[in-house]
Amino acid sequence: MTGRGPQNWSNIYDALSHIHRRELLRYLTRETVGPVQTESLARHLQSEGTDRESLDDALVELRHVHLPKLLDADLITWRRDDGVVVPTTFAREAPALLYEPAKTFERTVDSRQEGQL
C-alpha cells in the first residue's frame, strides 16, 4: 500500500472491523516492544477468548485472514518466512480509540463525570 489516499482508508476500516484484528493491534502497539512471532499472537488471541480450540486453528486464521488484512492496511509488517510481525509507525501513532473504543470511551465518560475534562 502506498500513500494515504481514500482507497487506503477503506483498507484500514476493513482491517479494524473485526474484534480480533483490533485486539492484535492493541496487543502489538500497547503491550509489546519489537517483533512478535505469529505463534505468540495466536496464543494471545486464544487467551483473549477466541473460539479457536487449537493453536493450529488459531494460526491458520491468523495467517490466512487477520494478518493479510492488517498488512493490506499498512498497519503491520509481516515477514512470512520467519513469522515475525511488527506494527507500523502509523499503527503505533494511531489513537487508542481505534483499537480500544469501549475502554477509551469509558475513561472519557469517567473523566467527564469527575469534572476532569
PDB file of N, CA and C in Angstrom:
ATOM      1  N   MET A   1       0.846  -1.171   0.000  1.00  0.00           N
ATOM      2  CA  MET A   1       0.000   0.000   0.000  1.00  0.00           C
ATOM      3  C   MET A   1       0.884   1.223   0.000  1.00  0.00           C
ATOM      4  N   THR A   2       0.561   2.178  -0.788  1.00  0.00           N
ATOM      5  CA  THR A   2       1.359   3.385  -0.828  1.00  0.00           C
ATOM      6  C   THR A   2       0.479   4.589  -0.591  1.00  0.00           C
ATOM      7  N   GLY A   3       0.969   5.517   0.181  1.00  0.00           N
ATOM      8  CA  GLY A   3       0.220   6.730   0.440  1.00  0.00           C
ATOM      9  C   GLY A   3      -0.951   6.511   1.374  1.00  0.00           C
ATOM     10  N   ARG A   4      -1.685   7.581   1.588  1.00  0.00           N
ATOM     11  CA  ARG A   4      -2.839   7.519   2.479  1.00  0.00           C
ATOM     12  C   ARG A   4      -4.074   8.069   1.782  1.00  0.00           C
ATOM     13  N   GLY A   5      -4.314   7.601   0.558  1.00  0.00           N
ATOM     14  CA  GLY A   5      -5.470   8.047  -0.205  1.00  0.00           C
ATOM     15  C   GLY A   5      -6.747   7.421   0.318  1.00  0.00           C
ATOM     16  N   PRO A   6      -7.888   7.867  -0.189  1.00  0.00           N
ATOM     17  CA  PRO A   6      -9.186   7.350   0.259  1.00  0.00           C
ATOM     18  C   PRO A   6      -9.316   5.834   0.142  1.00  0.00           C
ATOM     19  N   GLN A   7      -8.752   5.245  -0.908  1.00  0.00           N
ATOM     20  CA  GLN A   7      -8.856   3.796  -1.057  1.00  0.00           C
ATOM     21  C   GLN A   7      -8.126   3.088   0.086  1.00  0.00           C
ATOM     22  N   ASN A   8      -7.075   3.694   0.598  1.00  0.00           N
ATOM     23  CA  ASN A   8      -6.327   3.086   1.687  1.00  0.00           C
ATOM     24  C   ASN A   8      -7.107   3.141   2.994  1.00  0.00           C
ATOM     25  N   TRP A   9      -7.851   4.199   3.197  1.00  0.00           N
ATOM     26  CA  TRP A   9      -8.673   4.269   4.409  1.00  0.00           C
ATOM     27  C   TRP A   9      -9.724   3.166   4.406  1.00  0.00           C
ATOM     28  N   SER A  10     -10.200   2.793   3.245  1.00  0.00           N
ATOM     29  CA  SER A  10     -11.145   1.669   3.175  1.00  0.00           C
ATOM     30  C   SER A  10     -10.488   0.393   3.693  1.00  0.00           C
ATOM     31  N   ASN A  11      -9.219   0.176   3.346  1.00  0.00           N
ATOM     32  CA  ASN A  11      -8.496  -0.995   3.852  1.00  0.00           C
ATOM     33  C   ASN A  11      -8.314  -0.915   5.363  1.00  0.00           C
ATOM     34  N   ILE A  12      -8.052   0.279   5.851  1.00  0.00           N
ATOM     35  CA  ILE A  12      -7.871   0.452   7.299  1.00  0.00           C
ATOM     36  C   ILE A  12      -9.175   0.155   8.034  1.00  0.00           C
ATOM     37  N   TYR A  13     -10.276   0.727   7.552  1.00  0.00           N
ATOM     38  CA  TYR A  13     -11.568   0.466   8.192  1.00  0.00           C
ATOM     39  C   TYR A  13     -11.935  -1.011   8.125  1.00  0.00           C
ATOM     40  N   ASP A  14     -11.644  -1.636   6.992  1.00  0.00           N
ATOM     41  CA  ASP A  14     -11.913  -3.062   6.853  1.00  0.00           C
ATOM     42  C   ASP A  14     -11.079  -3.859   7.866  1.00  0.00           C
ATOM     43  N   ALA A  15      -9.811  -3.506   8.002  1.00  0.00           N
ATOM     44  CA  ALA A  15      -8.942  -4.217   8.943  1.00  0.00           C
ATOM     45  C   ALA A  15      -9.427  -4.048  10.382  1.00  0.00           C
ATOM     46  N   LEU A  16      -9.901  -2.861  10.711  1.00  0.00           N
ATOM     47  CA  LEU A  16     -10.335  -2.593  12.083  1.00  0.00           C
ATOM     48  C   LEU A  16     -11.760  -3.065  12.371  1.00  0.00           C
ATOM     49  N   SER A  17     -12.429  -3.609  11.368  1.00  0.00           N
ATOM     50  CA  SER A  17     -13.825  -4.012  11.554  1.00  0.00           C
ATOM     51  C   SER A  17     -13.992  -5.295  12.355  1.00  0.00           C
ATOM     52  N   HIS A  18     -12.932  -6.039  12.564  1.00  0.00           N
ATOM     53  CA  HIS A  18     -13.032  -7.307  13.290  1.00  0.00           C
ATOM     54  C   HIS A  18     -12.363  -7.185  14.654  1.00  0.00           C
ATOM     55  N   ILE A  19     -13.028  -7.651  15.673  1.00  0.00           N
ATOM     56  CA  ILE A  19     -12.533  -7.522  17.046  1.00  0.00           C
ATOM     57  C   ILE A  19     -11.173  -8.201  17.252  1.00  0.00           C
ATOM     58  N   HIS A  20     -10.926  -9.314  16.575  1.00  0.00           N
ATOM     59  CA  HIS A  20      -9.630  -9.990  16.739  1.00  0.00           C
ATOM     60  C   HIS A  20      -8.490  -9.146  16.174  1.00  0.00           C
ATOM     61  N   ARG A  21      -8.739  -8.474  15.047  1.00  0.00           N
ATOM     62  CA  ARG A  21      -7.684  -7.626  14.483  1.00  0.00           C
ATOM     63  C   ARG A  21      -7.456  -6.397  15.358  1.00  0.00           C
ATOM     64  N   ARG A  22      -8.514  -5.842  15.913  1.00  0.00           N
ATOM     65  CA  ARG A  22      -8.325  -4.715  16.842  1.00  0.00           C
ATOM     66  C   ARG A  22      -7.535  -5.159  18.055  1.00  0.00           C
ATOM     67  N   GLU A  23      -7.827  -6.343  18.566  1.00  0.00           N
ATOM     68  CA  GLU A  23      -7.083  -6.857  19.717  1.00  0.00           C
ATOM     69  C   GLU A  23      -5.624  -7.113  19.353  1.00  0.00           C
ATOM     70  N   LEU A  24      -5.368  -7.644  18.177  1.00  0.00           N
ATOM     71  CA  LEU A  24      -3.984  -7.849  17.739  1.00  0.00           C
ATOM     72  C   LEU A  24      -3.230  -6.526  17.696  1.00  0.00           C
ATOM     73  N   LEU A  25      -3.860  -5.501  17.146  1.00  0.00           N
ATOM     74  CA  LEU A  25      -3.195  -4.197  17.076  1.00  0.00           C
ATOM     75  C   LEU A  25      -2.990  -3.593  18.458  1.00  0.00           C
ATOM     76  N   ARG A  26      -3.980  -3.729  19.316  1.00  0.00           N
ATOM     77  CA  ARG A  26      -3.822  -3.225  20.684  1.00  0.00           C
ATOM     78  C   ARG A  26      -2.653  -3.914  21.354  1.00  0.00           C
ATOM     79  N   TYR A  27      -2.593  -5.216  21.220  1.00  0.00           N
ATOM     80  CA  TYR A  27      -1.511  -6.000  21.827  1.00  0.00           C
ATOM     81  C   TYR A  27      -0.156  -5.600  21.249  1.00  0.00           C
ATOM     82  N   LEU A  28      -0.072  -5.492  19.928  1.00  0.00           N
ATOM     83  CA  LEU A  28       1.194  -5.155  19.274  1.00  0.00           C
ATOM     84  C   LEU A  28       1.675  -3.741  19.607  1.00  0.00           C
ATOM     85  N   THR A  29       0.738  -2.812  19.761  1.00  0.00           N
ATOM     86  CA  THR A  29       1.133  -1.418  19.967  1.00  0.00           C
ATOM     87  C   THR A  29       1.168  -0.996  21.423  1.00  0.00           C
ATOM     88  N   ARG A  30       0.508  -1.716  22.288  1.00  0.00           N
ATOM     89  CA  ARG A  30       0.423  -1.276  23.685  1.00  0.00           C
ATOM     90  C   ARG A  30       1.111  -2.222  24.667  1.00  0.00           C
ATOM     91  N   GLU A  31       1.290  -3.488  24.300  1.00  0.00           N
ATOM     92  CA  GLU A  31       1.825  -4.454  25.255  1.00  0.00           C
ATOM     93  C   GLU A  31       3.143  -5.091  24.855  1.00  0.00           C
ATOM     94  N   THR A  32       3.603  -4.841  23.652  1.00  0.00           N
ATOM     95  CA  THR A  32       4.852  -5.459  23.209  1.00  0.00           C
ATOM     96  C   THR A  32       5.818  -4.386  22.728  1.00  0.00           C
ATOM     97  N   VAL A  33       7.067  -4.749  22.717  1.00  0.00           N
ATOM     98  CA  VAL A  33       8.109  -3.891  22.154  1.00  0.00           C
ATOM     99  C   VAL A  33       8.913  -4.764  21.198  1.00  0.00           C
ATOM    100  N   GLY A  34       8.991  -4.347  19.962  1.00  0.00           N
ATOM    101  CA  GLY A  34       9.762  -5.118  18.998  1.00  0.00           C
ATOM    102  C   GLY A  34       8.937  -6.174  18.294  1.00  0.00           C
ATOM    103  N   PRO A  35       9.616  -7.013  17.538  1.00  0.00           N
ATOM    104  CA  PRO A  35       8.948  -8.045  16.736  1.00  0.00           C
ATOM    105  C   PRO A  35       8.258  -9.105  17.597  1.00  0.00           C
ATOM    106  N   VAL A  36       7.178  -9.643  17.073  1.00  0.00           N
ATOM    107  CA  VAL A  36       6.418 -10.697  17.749  1.00  0.00           C
ATOM    108  C   VAL A  36       6.210 -11.836  16.753  1.00  0.00           C
ATOM    109  N   GLN A  37       6.375 -13.057  17.212  1.00  0.00           N
ATOM    110  CA  GLN A  37       6.157 -14.239  16.375  1.00  0.00           C
ATOM    111  C   GLN A  37       4.655 -14.500  16.212  1.00  0.00           C
ATOM    112  N   THR A  38       4.284 -15.030  15.060  1.00  0.00           N
ATOM    113  CA  THR A  38       2.874 -15.329  14.817  1.00  0.00           C
ATOM    114  C   THR A  38       2.317 -16.311  15.842  1.00  0.00           C
ATOM    115  N   GLU A  39       3.140 -17.257  16.296  1.00  0.00           N
ATOM    116  CA  GLU A  39       2.682 -18.210  17.315  1.00  0.00           C
ATOM    117  C   GLU A  39       2.302 -17.489  18.608  1.00  0.00           C
ATOM    118  N   SER A  40       3.071 -16.476  18.974  1.00  0.00           N
ATOM    119  CA  SER A  40       2.760 -15.691  20.179  1.00  0.00           C
ATOM    120  C   SER A  40       1.452 -14.937  20.006  1.00  0.00           C
ATOM    121  N   LEU A  41       1.225 -14.401  18.814  1.00  0.00           N
ATOM    122  CA  LEU A  41      -0.032 -13.702  18.545  1.00  0.00           C
ATOM    123  C   LEU A  41      -1.217 -14.658  18.615  1.00  0.00           C
ATOM    124  N   ALA A  42      -1.052 -15.860  18.073  1.00  0.00           N
ATOM    125  CA  ALA A  42      -2.133 -16.851  18.119  1.00  0.00           C
ATOM    126  C   ALA A  42      -2.436 -17.240  19.565  1.00  0.00           C
ATOM    127  N   ARG A  43      -1.400 -17.441  20.373  1.00  0.00           N
ATOM    128  CA  ARG A  43      -1.610 -17.768  21.792  1.00  0.00           C
ATOM    129  C   ARG A  43      -2.304 -16.616  22.515  1.00  0.00           C
ATOM    130  N   HIS A  44      -1.929 -15.393  22.182  1.00  0.00           N
ATOM    131  CA  HIS A  44      -2.581 -14.239  22.815  1.00  0.00           C
ATOM    132  C   HIS A  44      -4.070 -14.206  22.461  1.00  0.00           C
ATOM    133  N   LEU A  45      -4.395 -14.405  21.193  1.00  0.00           N
ATOM    134  CA  LEU A  45      -5.808 -14.414  20.813  1.00  0.00           C
ATOM    135  C   LEU A  45      -6.571 -15.508  21.536  1.00  0.00           C
ATOM    136  N   GLN A  46      -5.955 -16.680  21.668  1.00  0.00           N
ATOM    137  CA  GLN A  46      -6.616 -17.770  22.404  1.00  0.00           C
ATOM    138  C   GLN A  46      -6.854 -17.368  23.853  1.00  0.00           C
ATOM    139  N   SER A  47      -5.905 -16.685  24.458  1.00  0.00           N
ATOM    140  CA  SER A  47      -6.051 -16.278  25.858  1.00  0.00           C
ATOM    141  C   SER A  47      -7.132 -15.217  26.033  1.00  0.00           C
ATOM    142  N   GLU A  48      -7.449 -14.526  24.947  1.00  0.00           N
ATOM    143  CA  GLU A  48      -8.486 -13.492  24.991  1.00  0.00           C
ATOM    144  C   GLU A  48      -9.872 -14.054  24.720  1.00  0.00           C
ATOM    145  N   GLY A  49      -9.970 -15.365  24.596  1.00  0.00           N
ATOM    146  CA  GLY A  49     -11.283 -15.992  24.468  1.00  0.00           C
ATOM    147  C   GLY A  49     -11.800 -16.142  23.052  1.00  0.00           C
ATOM    148  N   THR A  50     -10.920 -16.346  22.088  1.00  0.00           N
ATOM    149  CA  THR A  50     -11.413 -16.601  20.741  1.00  0.00           C
ATOM    150  C   THR A  50     -12.044 -17.989  20.700  1.00  0.00           C
ATOM    151  N   ASP A  51     -12.750 -18.256  19.637  1.00  0.00           N
ATOM    152  CA  ASP A  51     -13.456 -19.537  19.534  1.00  0.00           C
ATOM    153  C   ASP A  51     -12.600 -20.644  18.921  1.00  0.00           C
ATOM    154  N   ARG A  52     -11.331 -20.407  18.723  1.00  0.00           N
ATOM    155  CA  ARG A  52     -10.437 -21.420  18.150  1.00  0.00           C
ATOM    156  C   ARG A  52      -9.960 -22.360  19.251  1.00  0.00           C
ATOM    157  N   GLU A  53     -10.212 -23.656  19.062  1.00  0.00           N
ATOM    158  CA  GLU A  53      -9.866 -24.636  20.082  1.00  0.00           C
ATOM    159  C   GLU A  53      -8.384 -24.974  20.090  1.00  0.00           C
ATOM    160  N   SER A  54      -7.768 -25.040  18.918  1.00  0.00           N
ATOM    161  CA  SER A  54      -6.365 -25.437  18.877  1.00  0.00           C
ATOM    162  C   SER A  54      -5.491 -24.279  18.409  1.00  0.00           C
ATOM    163  N   LEU A  55      -4.234 -24.341  18.797  1.00  0.00           N
ATOM    164  CA  LEU A  55      -3.277 -23.334  18.359  1.00  0.00           C
ATOM    165  C   LEU A  55      -3.134 -23.376  16.840  1.00  0.00           C
ATOM    166  N   ASP A  56      -3.165 -24.574  16.265  1.00  0.00           N
ATOM    167  CA  ASP A  56      -3.070 -24.701  14.809  1.00  0.00           C
ATOM    168  C   ASP A  56      -4.209 -23.971  14.109  1.00  0.00           C
ATOM    169  N   ASP A  57      -5.448 -24.113  14.619  1.00  0.00           N
ATOM    170  CA  ASP A  57      -6.590 -23.413  14.024  1.00  0.00           C
ATOM    171  C   ASP A  57      -6.419 -21.904  14.139  1.00  0.00           C
ATOM    172  N   ALA A  58      -5.946 -21.443  15.297  1.00  0.00           N
ATOM    173  CA  ALA A  58      -5.723 -20.017  15.504  1.00  0.00           C
ATOM    174  C   ALA A  58      -4.648 -19.493  14.555  1.00  0.00           C
ATOM    175  N   LEU A  59      -3.597 -20.270  14.342  1.00  0.00           N
ATOM    176  CA  LEU A  59      -2.528 -19.868  13.426  1.00  0.00           C
ATOM    177  C   LEU A  59      -3.026 -19.785  11.985  1.00  0.00           C
ATOM    178  N   VAL A  60      -3.837 -20.739  11.579  1.00  0.00           N
ATOM    179  CA  VAL A  60      -4.372 -20.728  10.216  1.00  0.00           C
ATOM    180  C   VAL A  60      -5.222 -19.478  10.010  1.00  0.00           C
ATOM    181  N   GLU A  61      -6.099 -19.182  10.948  1.00  0.00           N
ATOM    182  CA  GLU A  61      -6.945 -17.995  10.832  1.00  0.00           C
ATOM    183  C   GLU A  61      -6.093 -16.722  10.830  1.00  0.00           C
ATOM    184  N   LEU A  62      -5.094 -16.678  11.671  1.00  0.00           N
ATOM    185  CA  LEU A  62      -4.199 -15.527  11.752  1.00  0.00           C
ATOM    186  C   LEU A  62      -3.468 -15.315  10.433  1.00  0.00           C
ATOM    187  N   ARG A  63      -2.879 -16.377   9.906  1.00  0.00           N
ATOM    188  CA  ARG A  63      -2.063 -16.283   8.687  1.00  0.00           C
ATOM    189  C   ARG A  63      -2.879 -16.060   7.415  1.00  0.00           C
ATOM    190  N   HIS A  64      -4.102 -16.575   7.387  1.00  0.00           N
ATOM    191  CA  HIS A  64      -4.884 -16.510   6.155  1.00  0.00           C
ATOM    192  C   HIS A  64      -5.974 -15.443   6.162  1.00  0.00           C
ATOM    193  N   VAL A  65      -6.289 -14.905   7.321  1.00  0.00           N
ATOM    194  CA  VAL A  65      -7.360 -13.908   7.394  1.00  0.00           C
ATOM    195  C   VAL A  65      -6.853 -12.600   8.012  1.00  0.00           C
ATOM    196  N   HIS A  66      -6.464 -12.649   9.280  1.00  0.00           N
ATOM    197  CA  HIS A  66      -6.205 -11.422  10.022  1.00  0.00           C
ATOM    198  C   HIS A  66      -4.917 -10.699   9.619  1.00  0.00           C
ATOM    199  N   LEU A  67      -3.820 -11.398   9.544  1.00  0.00           N
ATOM    200  CA  LEU A  67      -2.567 -10.729   9.185  1.00  0.00           C
ATOM    201  C   LEU A  67      -2.589 -10.148   7.768  1.00  0.00           C
ATOM    202  N   PRO A  68      -3.137 -10.854   6.772  1.00  0.00           N
ATOM    203  CA  PRO A  68      -3.209 -10.233   5.443  1.00  0.00           C
ATOM    204  C   PRO A  68      -4.020  -8.934   5.421  1.00  0.00           C
ATOM    205  N   LYS A  69      -5.112  -8.881   6.174  1.00  0.00           N
ATOM    206  CA  LYS A  69      -5.921  -7.652   6.221  1.00  0.00           C
ATOM    207  C   LYS A  69      -5.141  -6.512   6.877  1.00  0.00           C
ATOM    208  N   LEU A  70      -4.436  -6.817   7.971  1.00  0.00           N
ATOM    209  CA  LEU A  70      -3.640  -5.790   8.639  1.00  0.00           C
ATOM    210  C   LEU A  70      -2.488  -5.332   7.757  1.00  0.00           C
ATOM    211  N   LEU A  71      -1.914  -6.242   7.009  1.00  0.00           N
ATOM    212  CA  LEU A  71      -0.831  -5.919   6.080  1.00  0.00           C
ATOM    213  C   LEU A  71      -1.344  -5.028   4.943  1.00  0.00           C
ATOM    214  N   ASP A  72      -2.496  -5.379   4.375  1.00  0.00           N
ATOM    215  CA  ASP A  72      -3.086  -4.579   3.295  1.00  0.00           C
ATOM    216  C   ASP A  72      -3.392  -3.153   3.739  1.00  0.00           C
ATOM    217  N   ALA A  73      -3.666  -2.985   5.013  1.00  0.00           N
ATOM    218  CA  ALA A  73      -3.988  -1.664   5.558  1.00  0.00           C
ATOM    219  C   ALA A  73      -2.742  -0.914   6.021  1.00  0.00           C
ATOM    220  N   ASP A  74      -1.582  -1.482   5.821  1.00  0.00           N
ATOM    221  CA  ASP A  74      -0.319  -0.864   6.249  1.00  0.00           C
ATOM    222  C   ASP A  74      -0.256  -0.669   7.764  1.00  0.00           C
ATOM    223  N   LEU A  75      -0.867  -1.565   8.507  1.00  0.00           N
ATOM    224  CA  LEU A  75      -0.846  -1.470   9.965  1.00  0.00           C
ATOM    225  C   LEU A  75       0.237  -2.351  10.578  1.00  0.00           C
ATOM    226  N   ILE A  76       0.742  -3.304   9.803  1.00  0.00           N
ATOM    227  CA  ILE A  76       1.831  -4.174  10.265  1.00  0.00           C
ATOM    228  C   ILE A  76       2.806  -4.428   9.127  1.00  0.00           C
ATOM    229  N   THR A  77       3.992  -4.884   9.505  1.00  0.00           N
ATOM    230  CA  THR A  77       4.873  -5.544   8.558  1.00  0.00           C
ATOM    231  C   THR A  77       4.907  -6.995   9.009  1.00  0.00           C
ATOM    232  N   TRP A  78       4.991  -7.887   8.052  1.00  0.00           N
ATOM    233  CA  TRP A  78       4.920  -9.314   8.365  1.00  0.00           C
ATOM    234  C   TRP A  78       5.888 -10.055   7.467  1.00  0.00           C
ATOM    235  N   ARG A  79       6.884 -10.647   8.093  1.00  0.00           N
ATOM    236  CA  ARG A  79       7.835 -11.469   7.352  1.00  0.00           C
ATOM    237  C   ARG A  79       7.343 -12.908   7.412  1.00  0.00           C
ATOM    238  N   ARG A  80       6.730 -13.340   6.359  1.00  0.00           N
ATOM    239  CA  ARG A  80       6.125 -14.680   6.334  1.00  0.00           C
ATOM    240  C   ARG A  80       7.159 -15.786   6.484  1.00  0.00           C
ATOM    241  N   ASP A  81       8.373 -15.554   5.994  1.00  0.00           N
ATOM    242  CA  ASP A  81       9.390 -16.610   6.035  1.00  0.00           C
ATOM    243  C   ASP A  81       9.774 -17.003   7.457  1.00  0.00           C
ATOM    244  N   ASP A  82       9.802 -16.054   8.384  1.00  0.00           N
ATOM    245  CA  ASP A  82      10.143 -16.405   9.769  1.00  0.00           C
ATOM    246  C   ASP A  82       9.025 -16.078  10.766  1.00  0.00           C
ATOM    247  N   GLY A  83       7.877 -15.630  10.264  1.00  0.00           N
ATOM    248  CA  GLY A  83       6.715 -15.416  11.120  1.00  0.00           C
ATOM    249  C   GLY A  83       6.794 -14.215  12.042  1.00  0.00           C
ATOM    250  N   VAL A  84       7.580 -13.207  11.671  1.00  0.00           N
ATOM    251  CA  VAL A  84       7.745 -12.035  12.519  1.00  0.00           C
ATOM    252  C   VAL A  84       6.754 -10.942  12.105  1.00  0.00           C
ATOM    253  N   VAL A  85       6.078 -10.372  13.109  1.00  0.00           N
ATOM    254  CA  VAL A  85       5.104  -9.307  12.888  1.00  0.00           C
ATOM    255  C   VAL A  85       5.523  -8.094  13.717  1.00  0.00           C
ATOM    256  N   VAL A  86       5.456  -6.917  13.096  1.00  0.00           N
ATOM    257  CA  VAL A  86       5.792  -5.659  13.770  1.00  0.00           C
ATOM    258  C   VAL A  86       4.743  -4.629  13.356  1.00  0.00           C
ATOM    259  N   PRO A  87       4.220  -3.856  14.316  1.00  0.00           N
ATOM    260  CA  PRO A  87       3.286  -2.797  13.925  1.00  0.00           C
ATOM    261  C   PRO A  87       4.040  -1.684  13.197  1.00  0.00           C
ATOM    262  N   THR A  88       3.382  -1.039  12.252  1.00  0.00           N
ATOM    263  CA  THR A  88       3.994   0.077  11.541  1.00  0.00           C
ATOM    264  C   THR A  88       3.951   1.326  12.423  1.00  0.00           C
ATOM    265  N   THR A  89       4.698   2.331  12.007  1.00  0.00           N
ATOM    266  CA  THR A  89       4.677   3.613  12.716  1.00  0.00           C
ATOM    267  C   THR A  89       3.263   4.171  12.731  1.00  0.00           C
ATOM    268  N   PHE A  90       2.570   4.047  11.601  1.00  0.00           N
ATOM    269  CA  PHE A  90       1.189   4.529  11.534  1.00  0.00           C
ATOM    270  C   PHE A  90       0.317   3.861  12.601  1.00  0.00           C
ATOM    271  N   ALA A  91       0.462   2.552  12.750  1.00  0.00           N
ATOM    272  CA  ALA A  91      -0.327   1.828  13.755  1.00  0.00           C
ATOM    273  C   ALA A  91       0.032   2.280  15.159  1.00  0.00           C
ATOM    274  N   ARG A  92       1.316   2.493  15.426  1.00  0.00           N
ATOM    275  CA  ARG A  92       1.742   2.935  16.761  1.00  0.00           C
ATOM    276  C   ARG A  92       1.255   4.339  17.088  1.00  0.00           C
ATOM    277  N   GLU A  93       1.134   5.186  16.069  1.00  0.00           N
ATOM    278  CA  GLU A  93       0.742   6.573  16.304  1.00  0.00           C
ATOM    279  C   GLU A  93      -0.771   6.780  16.297  1.00  0.00           C
ATOM    280  N   ALA A  94      -1.503   5.809  15.827  1.00  0.00           N
ATOM    281  CA  ALA A  94      -2.963   5.937  15.784  1.00  0.00           C
ATOM    282  C   ALA A  94      -3.518   6.003  17.202  1.00  0.00           C
ATOM    283  N   PRO A  95      -4.572   6.757  17.389  1.00  0.00           N
ATOM    284  CA  PRO A  95      -5.132   6.865  18.737  1.00  0.00           C
ATOM    285  C   PRO A  95      -5.686   5.536  19.250  1.00  0.00           C
ATOM    286  N   ALA A  96      -5.582   5.352  20.549  1.00  0.00           N
ATOM    287  CA  ALA A  96      -6.071   4.127  21.182  1.00  0.00           C
ATOM    288  C   ALA A  96      -7.559   3.915  20.911  1.00  0.00           C
ATOM    289  N   LEU A  97      -8.269   4.974  20.653  1.00  0.00           N
ATOM    290  CA  LEU A  97      -9.698   4.865  20.373  1.00  0.00           C
ATOM    291  C   LEU A  97      -9.981   3.916  19.213  1.00  0.00           C
ATOM    292  N   LEU A  98      -9.047   3.818  18.260  1.00  0.00           N
ATOM    293  CA  LEU A  98      -9.242   2.902  17.129  1.00  0.00           C
ATOM    294  C   LEU A  98      -9.193   1.445  17.561  1.00  0.00           C
ATOM    295  N   TYR A  99      -8.360   1.122  18.529  1.00  0.00           N
ATOM    296  CA  TYR A  99      -8.164  -0.276  18.930  1.00  0.00           C
ATOM    297  C   TYR A  99      -8.991  -0.662  20.145  1.00  0.00           C
ATOM    298  N   GLU A 100      -9.218   0.300  21.017  1.00  0.00           N
ATOM    299  CA  GLU A 100      -9.926   0.013  22.263  1.00  0.00           C
ATOM    300  C   GLU A 100     -11.092   0.975  22.450  1.00  0.00           C
ATOM    301  N   PRO A 101     -12.042   1.014  21.532  1.00  0.00           N
ATOM    302  CA  PRO A 101     -13.082   2.032  21.623  1.00  0.00           C
ATOM    303  C   PRO A 101     -13.870   1.997  22.922  1.00  0.00           C
ATOM    304  N   ALA A 102     -14.230   0.834  23.406  1.00  0.00           N
ATOM    305  CA  ALA A 102     -15.035   0.758  24.630  1.00  0.00           C
ATOM    306  C   ALA A 102     -14.248   1.254  25.839  1.00  0.00           C
ATOM    307  N   LYS A 103     -12.994   0.825  25.980  1.00  0.00           N
ATOM    308  CA  LYS A 103     -12.184   1.236  27.125  1.00  0.00           C
ATOM    309  C   LYS A 103     -11.896   2.733  27.083  1.00  0.00           C
ATOM    310  N   THR A 104     -11.583   3.259  25.916  1.00  0.00           N
ATOM    311  CA  THR A 104     -11.299   4.683  25.785  1.00  0.00           C
ATOM    312  C   THR A 104     -12.547   5.490  26.088  1.00  0.00           C
ATOM    313  N   PHE A 105     -13.693   5.043  25.581  1.00  0.00           N
ATOM    314  CA  PHE A 105     -14.957   5.733  25.840  1.00  0.00           C
ATOM    315  C   PHE A 105     -15.269   5.748  27.331  1.00  0.00           C
ATOM    316  N   GLU A 106     -15.081   4.606  28.008  1.00  0.00           N
ATOM    317  CA  GLU A 106     -15.350   4.535  29.445  1.00  0.00           C
ATOM    318  C   GLU A 106     -14.470   5.504  30.225  1.00  0.00           C
ATOM    319  N   ARG A 107     -13.174   5.593  29.859  1.00  0.00           N
ATOM    320  CA  ARG A 107     -12.270   6.526  30.540  1.00  0.00           C
ATOM    321  C   ARG A 107     -12.720   7.965  30.306  1.00  0.00           C
ATOM    322  N   THR A 108     -13.178   8.287  29.106  1.00  0.00           N
ATOM    323  CA  THR A 108     -13.639   9.637  28.791  1.00  0.00           C
ATOM    324  C   THR A 108     -14.871   9.977  29.608  1.00  0.00           C
ATOM    325  N   VAL A 109     -15.833   9.063  29.670  1.00  0.00           N
ATOM    326  CA  VAL A 109     -17.053   9.288  30.443  1.00  0.00           C
ATOM    327  C   VAL A 109     -16.714   9.456  31.920  1.00  0.00           C
ATOM    328  N   ASP A 110     -15.847   8.579  32.451  1.00  0.00           N
ATOM    329  CA  ASP A 110     -15.445   8.690  33.856  1.00  0.00           C
ATOM    330  C   ASP A 110     -14.790  10.031  34.137  1.00  0.00           C
ATOM    331  N   SER A 111     -13.924  10.492  33.235  1.00  0.00           N
ATOM    332  CA  SER A 111     -13.239  11.767  33.420  1.00  0.00           C
ATOM    333  C   SER A 111     -14.220  12.921  33.412  1.00  0.00           C
ATOM    334  N   ARG A 112     -15.195  12.864  32.528  1.00  0.00           N
ATOM    335  CA  ARG A 112     -16.212  13.935  32.459  1.00  0.00           C
ATOM    336  C   ARG A 112     -17.056  13.950  33.733  1.00  0.00           C
ATOM    337  N   GLN A 113     -17.387  12.786  34.244  1.00  0.00           N
ATOM    338  CA  GLN A 113     -18.191  12.729  35.459  1.00  0.00           C
ATOM    339  C   GLN A 113     -17.424  13.271  36.656  1.00  0.00           C
ATOM    340  N   GLU A 114     -16.102  13.117  36.626  1.00  0.00           N
ATOM    341  CA  GLU A 114     -15.289  13.621  37.711  1.00  0.00           C
ATOM    342  C   GLU A 114     -14.869  15.068  37.480  1.00  0.00           C
ATOM    343  N   GLY A 115     -15.320  15.670  36.368  1.00  0.00           N
ATOM    344  CA  GLY A 115     -15.006  17.053  36.077  1.00  0.00           C
ATOM    345  C   GLY A 115     -13.583  17.271  35.607  1.00  0.00           C
ATOM    346  N   GLN A 116     -12.961  16.243  35.074  1.00  0.00           N
ATOM    347  CA  GLN A 116     -11.563  16.361  34.654  1.00  0.00           C
ATOM    348  C   GLN A 116     -11.413  16.854  33.233  1.00  0.00           C
ATOM    349  N   LEU A 117     -12.451  16.861  32.444  1.00  0.00           N
ATOM    350  CA  LEU A 117     -12.330  17.342  31.061  1.00  0.00           C
ATOM    351  C   LEU A 117     -12.905  18.706  30.918  1.00  0.00           C
TER     352      LEU A 117
END
